[in-house]
Amino acid sequence: MLPTITVTSAAAKFINRIVRFSGLGAGAGLRLAVTPGGCSGYSSEFSAEAMPGAGEQLLEVAGVRLFLGAESRLMLNGITIDFVETATSSGLSFIDPNKEACACSSAETAPKVGVTKIEISSIGRGRPAAPVVAH
């Protein structure tokens, strides 16, 4: 069963740019793997892929193609995916209206209720830098 997910226009723009710049062509989408963990209850990884992998299903929402495994489909049901940008960070946020805020020790570092971020800095661009060899 496919989950009910809301993707904001900002998140759709961000996701579609990742897929478009991947060079994978028409039919490509974003593999989104969400597992339990992290301060707000979610741990997430994503990558642009040409097609769904084994055990994944395609969910098309708001002009975005998401490739979701079984665990991700369960965890994302009812979630809103948004793109948030502040002066110090930016990334995808997963907003779950049914989650409580975590008990982080600092109010400044505590996430909003049910929000998990994927930082832009975690997205690699191009090839990794060549290792520096000391002579």
C-alpha atoms as a PDB file:
ATOM      1  CA  MET A   1       0.000   0.000   0.000  1.00  0.00           C
ATOM      2  CA  LEU A   2       1.298   3.448  -0.893  1.00  0.00           C
ATOM      3  CA  PRO A   3       1.394   6.069   1.852  1.00  0.00           C
ATOM      4  CA  THR A   4      -0.391   9.389   1.855  1.00  0.00           C
ATOM      5  CA  ILE A   5       2.374  11.990   1.645  1.00  0.00           C
ATOM      6  CA  THR A   6       2.190  15.733   1.093  1.00  0.00           C
ATOM      7  CA  VAL A   7       5.107  17.344  -0.763  1.00  0.00           C
ATOM      8  CA  THR A   8       5.268  21.135  -0.611  1.00  0.00           C
ATOM      9  CA  SER A   9       6.132  23.114  -3.727  1.00  0.00           C
ATOM     10  CA  ALA A  10       9.515  24.056  -2.198  1.00  0.00           C
ATOM     11  CA  ALA A  11      10.354  20.389  -1.544  1.00  0.00           C
ATOM     12  CA  ALA A  12       9.182  19.378  -5.028  1.00  0.00           C
ATOM     13  CA  LYS A  13      11.439  22.014  -6.599  1.00  0.00           C
ATOM     14  CA  PHE A  14      14.425  20.833  -4.535  1.00  0.00           C
ATOM     15  CA  ILE A  15      13.826  17.129  -5.257  1.00  0.00           C
ATOM     16  CA  ASN A  16      13.263  17.706  -8.981  1.00  0.00           C
ATOM     17  CA  ARG A  17      16.519  19.684  -9.203  1.00  0.00           C
ATOM     18  CA  ILE A  18      18.434  16.793  -7.592  1.00  0.00           C
ATOM     19  CA  VAL A  19      16.930  14.344 -10.089  1.00  0.00           C
ATOM     20  CA  ARG A  20      17.386  16.653 -13.090  1.00  0.00           C
ATOM     21  CA  PHE A  21      21.042  17.404 -12.274  1.00  0.00           C
ATOM     22  CA  SER A  22      21.750  13.694 -11.792  1.00  0.00           C
ATOM     23  CA  GLY A  23      21.610  13.263 -15.576  1.00  0.00           C
ATOM     24  CA  LEU A  24      19.628  10.022 -15.273  1.00  0.00           C
ATOM     25  CA  GLY A  25      16.946  11.074 -17.767  1.00  0.00           C
ATOM     26  CA  ALA A  26      13.181  10.692 -17.910  1.00  0.00           C
ATOM     27  CA  GLY A  27      11.695   8.271 -15.421  1.00  0.00           C
ATOM     28  CA  ALA A  28      14.365   8.924 -12.801  1.00  0.00           C
ATOM     29  CA  GLY A  29      13.315   9.717  -9.254  1.00  0.00           C
ATOM     30  CA  LEU A  30      14.450  10.104  -5.691  1.00  0.00           C
ATOM     31  CA  ARG A  31      15.123   6.999  -3.619  1.00  0.00           C
ATOM     32  CA  LEU A  32      14.085   7.977  -0.113  1.00  0.00           C
ATOM     33  CA  ALA A  33      14.988   5.628   2.725  1.00  0.00           C
ATOM     34  CA  VAL A  34      13.556   6.518   6.120  1.00  0.00           C
ATOM     35  CA  THR A  35      14.235   4.435   9.211  1.00  0.00           C
ATOM     36  CA  PRO A  36      13.561   4.889  12.925  1.00  0.00           C
ATOM     37  CA  GLY A  37      16.229   6.883  14.727  1.00  0.00           C
ATOM     38  CA  GLY A  38      17.588  10.368  15.175  1.00  0.00           C
ATOM     39  CA  CYS A  39      16.448  12.965  17.661  1.00  0.00           C
ATOM     40  CA  SER A  40      12.981  13.439  16.162  1.00  0.00           C
ATOM     41  CA  GLY A  41      12.378   9.792  15.378  1.00  0.00           C
ATOM     42  CA  TYR A  42      13.558   9.685  11.756  1.00  0.00           C
ATOM     43  CA  SER A  43      16.843   8.923  10.075  1.00  0.00           C
ATOM     44  CA  SER A  44      16.882   9.572   6.329  1.00  0.00           C
ATOM     45  CA  GLU A  45      18.997   8.958   3.248  1.00  0.00           C
ATOM     46  CA  PHE A  46      18.234   9.812  -0.359  1.00  0.00           C
ATOM     47  CA  SER A  47      19.736   9.540  -3.816  1.00  0.00           C
ATOM     48  CA  ALA A  48      18.705  10.138  -7.409  1.00  0.00           C
ATOM     49  CA  GLU A  49      18.078   6.815  -9.169  1.00  0.00           C
ATOM     50  CA  ALA A  50      17.067   5.731 -12.684  1.00  0.00           C
ATOM     51  CA  MET A  51      14.293   3.414 -11.460  1.00  0.00           C
ATOM     52  CA  PRO A  52      12.908   1.809  -8.304  1.00  0.00           C
ATOM     53  CA  GLY A  53      15.045  -0.925  -6.790  1.00  0.00           C
ATOM     54  CA  ALA A  54      13.919  -4.383  -5.716  1.00  0.00           C
ATOM     55  CA  GLY A  55      11.118  -4.141  -3.160  1.00  0.00           C
ATOM     56  CA  GLU A  56      10.551  -0.435  -3.800  1.00  0.00           C
ATOM     57  CA  GLN A  57       7.369   1.145  -5.103  1.00  0.00           C
ATOM     58  CA  LEU A  58       6.952   4.323  -7.112  1.00  0.00           C
ATOM     59  CA  LEU A  59       4.919   7.109  -5.527  1.00  0.00           C
ATOM     60  CA  GLU A  60       4.233  10.134  -7.697  1.00  0.00           C
ATOM     61  CA  VAL A  61       3.086  13.182  -5.770  1.00  0.00           C
ATOM     62  CA  ALA A  62       3.249  16.909  -6.582  1.00  0.00           C
ATOM     63  CA  GLY A  63       5.260  16.210  -9.745  1.00  0.00           C
ATOM     64  CA  VAL A  64       7.888  14.220  -7.806  1.00  0.00           C
ATOM     65  CA  ARG A  65       8.803  10.565  -8.337  1.00  0.00           C
ATOM     66  CA  LEU A  66       9.717   8.895  -5.037  1.00  0.00           C
ATOM     67  CA  PHE A  67      11.082   5.344  -4.829  1.00  0.00           C
ATOM     68  CA  LEU A  68      10.114   3.941  -1.418  1.00  0.00           C
ATOM     69  CA  GLY A  69      10.932   0.662   0.285  1.00  0.00           C
ATOM     70  CA  ALA A  70       8.421  -1.033   2.607  1.00  0.00           C
ATOM     71  CA  GLU A  71       9.744   0.480   5.855  1.00  0.00           C
ATOM     72  CA  SER A  72       9.828   3.975   4.355  1.00  0.00           C
ATOM     73  CA  ARG A  73       6.264   3.611   3.084  1.00  0.00           C
ATOM     74  CA  LEU A  74       5.089   2.776   6.601  1.00  0.00           C
ATOM     75  CA  MET A  75       7.019   5.576   8.296  1.00  0.00           C
ATOM     76  CA  LEU A  76       6.065   8.284   5.787  1.00  0.00           C
ATOM     77  CA  ASN A  77       2.309   7.775   5.878  1.00  0.00           C
ATOM     78  CA  GLY A  78       0.700  11.108   6.811  1.00  0.00           C
ATOM     79  CA  ILE A  79       3.995  13.036   6.603  1.00  0.00           C
ATOM     80  CA  THR A  80       4.522  16.399   4.908  1.00  0.00           C
ATOM     81  CA  ILE A  81       7.872  16.763   3.151  1.00  0.00           C
ATOM     82  CA  ASP A  82       9.061  20.371   2.994  1.00  0.00           C
ATOM     83  CA  PHE A  83      12.245  22.215   2.070  1.00  0.00           C
ATOM     84  CA  VAL A  84      13.394  24.602   4.777  1.00  0.00           C
ATOM     85  CA  GLU A  85      16.120  27.197   4.414  1.00  0.00           C
ATOM     86  CA  THR A  86      17.443  29.379   7.224  1.00  0.00           C
ATOM     87  CA  ALA A  87      20.465  31.625   7.578  1.00  0.00           C
ATOM     88  CA  THR A  88      22.508  28.702   8.932  1.00  0.00           C
ATOM     89  CA  SER A  89      21.127  25.571   7.256  1.00  0.00           C
ATOM     90  CA  SER A  90      18.789  24.172   4.647  1.00  0.00           C
ATOM     91  CA  GLY A  91      17.360  20.796   3.743  1.00  0.00           C
ATOM     92  CA  LEU A  92      14.336  18.556   3.525  1.00  0.00           C
ATOM     93  CA  SER A  93      12.111  18.424   6.588  1.00  0.00           C
ATOM     94  CA  PHE A  94       9.682  15.641   7.424  1.00  0.00           C
ATOM     95  CA  ILE A  95       6.773  17.001   9.422  1.00  0.00           C
ATOM     96  CA  ASP A  96       4.699  14.501  11.357  1.00  0.00           C
ATOM     97  CA  PRO A  97       1.738  16.114  13.109  1.00  0.00           C
ATOM     98  CA  ASN A  98       1.477  13.079  15.420  1.00  0.00           C
ATOM     99  CA  LYS A  99       5.021  13.244  16.877  1.00  0.00           C
ATOM    100  CA  GLU A 100       6.102  14.963  20.068  1.00  0.00           C
ATOM    101  CA  ALA A 101       9.240  17.100  20.220  1.00  0.00           C
ATOM    102  CA  CYS A 102      12.326  15.295  21.504  1.00  0.00           C
ATOM    103  CA  ALA A 103      13.892  16.004  24.889  1.00  0.00           C
ATOM    104  CA  CYS A 104      17.072  17.677  23.643  1.00  0.00           C
ATOM    105  CA  SER A 105      19.073  19.457  26.320  1.00  0.00           C
ATOM    106  CA  SER A 106      19.069  22.794  24.507  1.00  0.00           C
ATOM    107  CA  ALA A 107      15.980  24.594  23.269  1.00  0.00           C
ATOM    108  CA  GLU A 108      18.141  26.055  20.506  1.00  0.00           C
ATOM    109  CA  THR A 109      19.076  22.620  19.151  1.00  0.00           C
ATOM    110  CA  ALA A 110      15.700  20.974  19.770  1.00  0.00           C
ATOM    111  CA  PRO A 111      13.878  20.307  16.505  1.00  0.00           C
ATOM    112  CA  LYS A 112      10.350  21.444  15.836  1.00  0.00           C
ATOM    113  CA  VAL A 113       7.660  18.886  16.555  1.00  0.00           C
ATOM    114  CA  GLY A 114       8.157  15.859  14.274  1.00  0.00           C
ATOM    115  CA  VAL A 115      10.778  17.482  12.007  1.00  0.00           C
ATOM    116  CA  THR A 116      13.884  15.831  10.635  1.00  0.00           C
ATOM    117  CA  LYS A 117      16.300  17.624   8.306  1.00  0.00           C
ATOM    118  CA  ILE A 118      18.503  16.374   5.516  1.00  0.00           C
ATOM    119  CA  GLU A 119      21.239  18.965   5.157  1.00  0.00           C
ATOM    120  CA  ILE A 120      22.211  20.194   1.699  1.00  0.00           C
ATOM    121  CA  SER A 121      25.850  19.673   2.631  1.00  0.00           C
ATOM    122  CA  SER A 122      25.179  15.914   2.664  1.00  0.00           C
ATOM    123  CA  ILE A 123      24.561  15.987  -1.088  1.00  0.00           C
ATOM    124  CA  GLY A 124      27.793  15.263  -2.971  1.00  0.00           C
ATOM    125  CA  ARG A 125      28.557  17.104  -6.169  1.00  0.00           C
ATOM    126  CA  GLY A 126      30.769  15.683  -8.868  1.00  0.00           C
ATOM    127  CA  ARG A 127      33.646  13.381  -8.102  1.00  0.00           C
ATOM    128  CA  PRO A 128      35.377  13.209  -4.743  1.00  0.00           C
ATOM    129  CA  ALA A 129      38.573  15.188  -4.461  1.00  0.00           C
ATOM    130  CA  ALA A 130      41.763  13.280  -5.248  1.00  0.00           C
ATOM    131  CA  PRO A 131      43.580  12.173  -2.089  1.00  0.00           C
ATOM    132  CA  VAL A 132      46.567  14.270  -1.074  1.00  0.00           C
ATOM    133  CA  VAL A 133      49.745  12.197  -1.050  1.00  0.00           C
ATOM    134  CA  ALA A 134      52.629  13.370   1.140  1.00  0.00           C
ATOM    135  CA  HIS A 135      56.080  12.996  -0.410  1.00  0.00           C
END
